[in-house]
Amino acid sequence: MRAFIMFILMLLLAAADLSNSLKIPCKVQLESGVQYRKIIWYKVSSENSLSGLVMKDLLRNSSVLYRSVDPSLRVGEDLSLLLPEFRERRCETYRCSVWPPVGYRIQESDYSFPQGCQVPSERAPEFSNQVMDEGLGLESSDHVYIFVGVVVLLVCLAGVLLLLCRFALKYQQRPKYTLVPV
């Protein structure tokens, strides 16, 4: 019974904690039917350098906080960043980066908080280069060309082997002539 009451209290505290959180939206255009791999939230400094906050693996539904980051940071179900409510009202810019599977484009969006601060409040979603294959550093379209090249090479080799076998069979089947001295 005690464990049940503790569980209920922890759920209530977690719900109260989330209700007091600030919600920073990730305003990217997600493609329907695409299973995105991860989202990373950054804080953008005035020099446009990025400081990682939290990374969420969307396939495993697990989050990893970067070093020296408030452990109460969370990524919401709608990919928004949930910040614990803070007293400072400095203008800060946050960037979300959503990673799709290989062959689709990484999407990023900036959002400034609080609204109306001097930094431009929002940046249109940005589309970067295609996701690279982590193994060889090749784009997805390169794999198609490599595959087609290998298939053409194998067909050519099979054709050459077939011709060699045909000539070998003809050579074995021809009549053997012996030289007769005249």
C-alpha atoms as a PDB file:
ATOM      1  CA  MET A   1       0.000   0.000   0.000  1.00  0.00           C
ATOM      2  CA  ARG A   2       2.858   2.371   0.830  1.00  0.00           C
ATOM      3  CA  ALA A   3       4.476   1.695  -2.523  1.00  0.00           C
ATOM      4  CA  PHE A   4       1.215   2.484  -4.291  1.00  0.00           C
ATOM      5  CA  ILE A   5       0.835   5.801  -2.432  1.00  0.00           C
ATOM      6  CA  MET A   6       4.465   6.713  -3.205  1.00  0.00           C
ATOM      7  CA  PHE A   7       3.876   5.872  -6.863  1.00  0.00           C
ATOM      8  CA  ILE A   8       0.774   8.113  -6.974  1.00  0.00           C
ATOM      9  CA  LEU A   9       2.676  10.957  -5.262  1.00  0.00           C
ATOM     10  CA  MET A  10       5.548  10.652  -7.739  1.00  0.00           C
ATOM     11  CA  LEU A  11       3.095  10.759 -10.654  1.00  0.00           C
ATOM     12  CA  LEU A  12       1.419  13.858  -9.218  1.00  0.00           C
ATOM     13  CA  LEU A  13       4.778  15.571  -8.680  1.00  0.00           C
ATOM     14  CA  ALA A  14       5.856  14.736 -12.220  1.00  0.00           C
ATOM     15  CA  ALA A  15       2.579  16.066 -13.618  1.00  0.00           C
ATOM     16  CA  ALA A  16       2.880  19.257 -11.549  1.00  0.00           C
ATOM     17  CA  ASP A  17       6.486  19.629 -12.676  1.00  0.00           C
ATOM     18  CA  LEU A  18       5.468  19.347 -16.355  1.00  0.00           C
ATOM     19  CA  SER A  19       2.571  21.780 -15.934  1.00  0.00           C
ATOM     20  CA  ASN A  20       5.004  24.457 -14.705  1.00  0.00           C
ATOM     21  CA  SER A  21       7.364  23.838 -17.606  1.00  0.00           C
ATOM     22  CA  LEU A  22       7.892  26.245 -20.442  1.00  0.00           C
ATOM     23  CA  LYS A  23       7.173  24.705 -23.814  1.00  0.00           C
ATOM     24  CA  ILE A  24       9.487  25.675 -26.689  1.00  0.00           C
ATOM     25  CA  PRO A  25       7.945  24.376 -29.946  1.00  0.00           C
ATOM     26  CA  CYS A  26       9.932  22.689 -32.713  1.00  0.00           C
ATOM     27  CA  LYS A  27       8.452  24.253 -35.845  1.00  0.00           C
ATOM     28  CA  VAL A  28       9.613  21.933 -38.608  1.00  0.00           C
ATOM     29  CA  GLN A  29       7.568  20.466 -41.451  1.00  0.00           C
ATOM     30  CA  LEU A  30       7.571  16.731 -40.739  1.00  0.00           C
ATOM     31  CA  GLU A  31       6.799  14.474 -43.694  1.00  0.00           C
ATOM     32  CA  SER A  32       3.964  12.064 -43.067  1.00  0.00           C
ATOM     33  CA  GLY A  33       4.852   8.389 -43.130  1.00  0.00           C
ATOM     34  CA  VAL A  34       8.524   9.010 -42.262  1.00  0.00           C
ATOM     35  CA  GLN A  35       9.803   7.467 -39.035  1.00  0.00           C
ATOM     36  CA  TYR A  36      12.248  10.063 -37.715  1.00  0.00           C
ATOM     37  CA  ARG A  37      15.287   8.760 -35.822  1.00  0.00           C
ATOM     38  CA  LYS A  38      16.157  11.464 -33.311  1.00  0.00           C
ATOM     39  CA  ILE A  39      15.726  15.075 -32.278  1.00  0.00           C
ATOM     40  CA  ILE A  40      18.448  17.237 -30.763  1.00  0.00           C
ATOM     41  CA  TRP A  41      17.792  20.519 -28.959  1.00  0.00           C
ATOM     42  CA  TYR A  42      20.531  23.165 -28.781  1.00  0.00           C
ATOM     43  CA  LYS A  43      20.904  26.569 -27.184  1.00  0.00           C
ATOM     44  CA  VAL A  44      22.243  29.073 -29.742  1.00  0.00           C
ATOM     45  CA  SER A  45      24.742  31.601 -28.368  1.00  0.00           C
ATOM     46  CA  SER A  46      25.110  35.174 -29.602  1.00  0.00           C
ATOM     47  CA  GLU A  47      28.075  34.008 -31.737  1.00  0.00           C
ATOM     48  CA  ASN A  48      25.806  31.380 -33.373  1.00  0.00           C
ATOM     49  CA  SER A  49      27.663  28.517 -31.699  1.00  0.00           C
ATOM     50  CA  LEU A  50      25.549  25.605 -30.536  1.00  0.00           C
ATOM     51  CA  SER A  51      25.460  24.137 -27.061  1.00  0.00           C
ATOM     52  CA  GLY A  52      23.742  20.747 -26.875  1.00  0.00           C
ATOM     53  CA  LEU A  53      20.909  20.370 -24.371  1.00  0.00           C
ATOM     54  CA  VAL A  54      19.113  17.071 -24.930  1.00  0.00           C
ATOM     55  CA  MET A  55      18.965  14.334 -27.573  1.00  0.00           C
ATOM     56  CA  LYS A  56      15.983  12.008 -27.839  1.00  0.00           C
ATOM     57  CA  ASP A  57      16.143   8.742 -29.767  1.00  0.00           C
ATOM     58  CA  LEU A  58      12.654   8.604 -31.269  1.00  0.00           C
ATOM     59  CA  LEU A  59      12.938   4.931 -32.224  1.00  0.00           C
ATOM     60  CA  ARG A  60      13.779   3.755 -28.686  1.00  0.00           C
ATOM     61  CA  ASN A  61      11.966   6.623 -26.913  1.00  0.00           C
ATOM     62  CA  SER A  62      15.008   7.382 -24.751  1.00  0.00           C
ATOM     63  CA  SER A  63      16.641  10.726 -23.983  1.00  0.00           C
ATOM     64  CA  VAL A  64      20.228  11.690 -23.237  1.00  0.00           C
ATOM     65  CA  LEU A  65      21.115  14.973 -21.560  1.00  0.00           C
ATOM     66  CA  TYR A  66      24.325  16.730 -22.484  1.00  0.00           C
ATOM     67  CA  ARG A  67      26.859  17.573 -19.772  1.00  0.00           C
ATOM     68  CA  SER A  68      26.143  20.401 -17.329  1.00  0.00           C
ATOM     69  CA  VAL A  69      22.494  20.598 -18.382  1.00  0.00           C
ATOM     70  CA  ASP A  70      19.547  20.882 -16.020  1.00  0.00           C
ATOM     71  CA  PRO A  71      18.362  17.285 -15.484  1.00  0.00           C
ATOM     72  CA  SER A  72      14.713  18.386 -15.616  1.00  0.00           C
ATOM     73  CA  LEU A  73      14.900  19.177 -19.362  1.00  0.00           C
ATOM     74  CA  ARG A  74      12.574  16.976 -21.399  1.00  0.00           C
ATOM     75  CA  VAL A  75      11.434  16.533 -24.984  1.00  0.00           C
ATOM     76  CA  GLY A  76       7.652  16.468 -25.301  1.00  0.00           C
ATOM     77  CA  GLU A  77       5.587  14.089 -27.418  1.00  0.00           C
ATOM     78  CA  ASP A  78       5.166  16.854 -30.024  1.00  0.00           C
ATOM     79  CA  LEU A  79       9.012  17.268 -30.122  1.00  0.00           C
ATOM     80  CA  SER A  80       8.827  20.493 -28.089  1.00  0.00           C
ATOM     81  CA  LEU A  81      11.480  21.307 -25.485  1.00  0.00           C
ATOM     82  CA  LEU A  82      10.083  21.368 -21.956  1.00  0.00           C
ATOM     83  CA  LEU A  83      12.106  23.736 -19.772  1.00  0.00           C
ATOM     84  CA  PRO A  84      11.644  24.090 -16.037  1.00  0.00           C
ATOM     85  CA  GLU A  85      10.169  27.505 -15.346  1.00  0.00           C
ATOM     86  CA  PHE A  86      12.930  29.968 -14.638  1.00  0.00           C
ATOM     87  CA  ARG A  87      12.989  33.520 -13.335  1.00  0.00           C
ATOM     88  CA  GLU A  88      15.404  35.002 -15.840  1.00  0.00           C
ATOM     89  CA  ARG A  89      13.817  36.599 -18.856  1.00  0.00           C
ATOM     90  CA  ARG A  90      16.917  36.889 -20.994  1.00  0.00           C
ATOM     91  CA  CYS A  91      16.413  36.512 -24.694  1.00  0.00           C
ATOM     92  CA  GLU A  92      17.594  33.022 -25.632  1.00  0.00           C
ATOM     93  CA  THR A  93      17.401  31.173 -28.921  1.00  0.00           C
ATOM     94  CA  TYR A  94      16.847  27.430 -29.087  1.00  0.00           C
ATOM     95  CA  ARG A  95      17.322  25.194 -32.126  1.00  0.00           C
ATOM     96  CA  CYS A  96      15.727  21.842 -32.779  1.00  0.00           C
ATOM     97  CA  SER A  97      17.259  19.466 -35.295  1.00  0.00           C
ATOM     98  CA  VAL A  98      15.139  16.507 -36.432  1.00  0.00           C
ATOM     99  CA  TRP A  99      16.968  13.546 -38.008  1.00  0.00           C
ATOM    100  CA  PRO A 100      15.098  11.344 -40.500  1.00  0.00           C
ATOM    101  CA  PRO A 101      16.221   8.028 -41.995  1.00  0.00           C
ATOM    102  CA  VAL A 102      18.885   7.980 -44.716  1.00  0.00           C
ATOM    103  CA  GLY A 103      17.627   9.565 -47.926  1.00  0.00           C
ATOM    104  CA  TYR A 104      15.521  12.295 -46.313  1.00  0.00           C
ATOM    105  CA  ARG A 105      16.581  15.768 -45.230  1.00  0.00           C
ATOM    106  CA  ILE A 106      17.520  16.908 -41.740  1.00  0.00           C
ATOM    107  CA  GLN A 107      15.204  19.699 -40.656  1.00  0.00           C
ATOM    108  CA  GLU A 108      16.047  22.498 -38.254  1.00  0.00           C
ATOM    109  CA  SER A 109      14.133  25.361 -36.715  1.00  0.00           C
ATOM    110  CA  ASP A 110      15.098  28.196 -34.353  1.00  0.00           C
ATOM    111  CA  TYR A 111      12.821  29.687 -31.718  1.00  0.00           C
ATOM    112  CA  SER A 112      13.566  32.679 -29.484  1.00  0.00           C
ATOM    113  CA  PHE A 113      12.199  32.952 -25.960  1.00  0.00           C
ATOM    114  CA  PRO A 114      10.583  35.029 -24.598  1.00  0.00           C
ATOM    115  CA  GLN A 115       8.522  36.122 -27.577  1.00  0.00           C
ATOM    116  CA  GLY A 116       9.250  39.685 -28.632  1.00  0.00           C
ATOM    117  CA  CYS A 117      12.878  39.775 -27.530  1.00  0.00           C
ATOM    118  CA  GLN A 118      15.487  41.535 -29.685  1.00  0.00           C
ATOM    119  CA  VAL A 119      16.737  38.410 -31.439  1.00  0.00           C
ATOM    120  CA  PRO A 120      14.554  37.565 -34.474  1.00  0.00           C
ATOM    121  CA  SER A 121      11.733  35.594 -32.901  1.00  0.00           C
ATOM    122  CA  GLU A 122      11.638  32.717 -35.365  1.00  0.00           C
ATOM    123  CA  ARG A 123      13.616  31.433 -38.272  1.00  0.00           C
ATOM    124  CA  ALA A 124      11.860  29.570 -41.047  1.00  0.00           C
ATOM    125  CA  PRO A 125      12.504  25.833 -40.980  1.00  0.00           C
ATOM    126  CA  GLU A 126      15.788  25.104 -42.656  1.00  0.00           C
ATOM    127  CA  PHE A 127      16.479  22.083 -44.779  1.00  0.00           C
ATOM    128  CA  SER A 128      20.055  20.869 -44.801  1.00  0.00           C
ATOM    129  CA  ASN A 129      21.788  18.280 -46.937  1.00  0.00           C
ATOM    130  CA  GLN A 130      20.569  14.730 -47.148  1.00  0.00           C
ATOM    131  CA  VAL A 131      21.371  12.447 -44.263  1.00  0.00           C
ATOM    132  CA  MET A 132      24.659  10.705 -44.894  1.00  0.00           C
ATOM    133  CA  ASP A 133      25.101   6.991 -44.386  1.00  0.00           C
ATOM    134  CA  GLU A 134      27.097   6.724 -41.180  1.00  0.00           C
ATOM    135  CA  GLY A 135      29.183   3.812 -42.453  1.00  0.00           C
ATOM    136  CA  LEU A 136      30.848   5.079 -45.630  1.00  0.00           C
ATOM    137  CA  GLY A 137      29.863   8.742 -45.800  1.00  0.00           C
ATOM    138  CA  LEU A 138      27.775   8.155 -48.931  1.00  0.00           C
ATOM    139  CA  GLU A 139      24.445   9.719 -49.721  1.00  0.00           C
ATOM    140  CA  SER A 140      21.507   7.417 -50.279  1.00  0.00           C
ATOM    141  CA  SER A 141      21.406   8.205 -54.013  1.00  0.00           C
ATOM    142  CA  ASP A 142      25.065   7.122 -54.311  1.00  0.00           C
ATOM    143  CA  HIS A 143      24.093   3.635 -53.131  1.00  0.00           C
ATOM    144  CA  VAL A 144      21.787   3.274 -56.135  1.00  0.00           C
ATOM    145  CA  TYR A 145      24.592   4.127 -58.566  1.00  0.00           C
ATOM    146  CA  ILE A 146      26.989   1.758 -56.838  1.00  0.00           C
ATOM    147  CA  PHE A 147      24.405  -1.042 -56.890  1.00  0.00           C
ATOM    148  CA  VAL A 148      23.649  -0.512 -60.601  1.00  0.00           C
ATOM    149  CA  GLY A 149      27.385  -0.433 -61.376  1.00  0.00           C
ATOM    150  CA  VAL A 150      28.004  -3.702 -59.534  1.00  0.00           C
ATOM    151  CA  VAL A 151      25.058  -5.396 -61.297  1.00  0.00           C
ATOM    152  CA  VAL A 152      26.298  -4.242 -64.735  1.00  0.00           C
ATOM    153  CA  LEU A 153      29.807  -5.469 -63.904  1.00  0.00           C
ATOM    154  CA  LEU A 154      28.480  -8.885 -62.814  1.00  0.00           C
ATOM    155  CA  VAL A 155      26.372  -9.222 -65.982  1.00  0.00           C
ATOM    156  CA  CYS A 156      29.425  -8.389 -68.124  1.00  0.00           C
ATOM    157  CA  LEU A 157      31.546 -10.943 -66.268  1.00  0.00           C
ATOM    158  CA  ALA A 158      28.840 -13.587 -66.682  1.00  0.00           C
ATOM    159  CA  GLY A 159      28.705 -12.834 -70.423  1.00  0.00           C
ATOM    160  CA  VAL A 160      32.479 -13.164 -70.786  1.00  0.00           C
ATOM    161  CA  LEU A 161      32.455 -16.458 -68.863  1.00  0.00           C
ATOM    162  CA  LEU A 162      29.616 -17.745 -71.040  1.00  0.00           C
ATOM    163  CA  LEU A 163      31.544 -16.903 -74.215  1.00  0.00           C
ATOM    164  CA  LEU A 164      34.698 -18.564 -72.876  1.00  0.00           C
ATOM    165  CA  CYS A 165      32.763 -21.732 -72.005  1.00  0.00           C
ATOM    166  CA  ARG A 166      31.162 -21.773 -75.449  1.00  0.00           C
ATOM    167  CA  PHE A 167      34.521 -21.453 -77.201  1.00  0.00           C
ATOM    168  CA  ALA A 168      36.013 -24.153 -74.960  1.00  0.00           C
ATOM    169  CA  LEU A 169      33.170 -26.548 -75.833  1.00  0.00           C
ATOM    170  CA  LYS A 170      33.538 -25.850 -79.547  1.00  0.00           C
ATOM    171  CA  TYR A 171      37.276 -26.414 -79.314  1.00  0.00           C
ATOM    172  CA  GLN A 172      36.738 -29.802 -77.613  1.00  0.00           C
ATOM    173  CA  GLN A 173      34.082 -30.915 -80.119  1.00  0.00           C
ATOM    174  CA  ARG A 174      35.968 -30.141 -83.333  1.00  0.00           C
ATOM    175  CA  PRO A 175      37.409 -33.131 -85.176  1.00  0.00           C
ATOM    176  CA  LYS A 176      41.030 -33.928 -84.534  1.00  0.00           C
ATOM    177  CA  TYR A 177      43.096 -34.038 -87.686  1.00  0.00           C
ATOM    178  CA  THR A 178      46.423 -35.723 -87.822  1.00  0.00           C
ATOM    179  CA  LEU A 179      49.090 -34.739 -90.202  1.00  0.00           C
ATOM    180  CA  VAL A 180      49.932 -37.382 -92.725  1.00  0.00           C
ATOM    181  CA  PRO A 181      53.307 -37.106 -94.389  1.00  0.00           C
ATOM    182  CA  VAL A 182      53.058 -36.745 -98.120  1.00  0.00           C
END
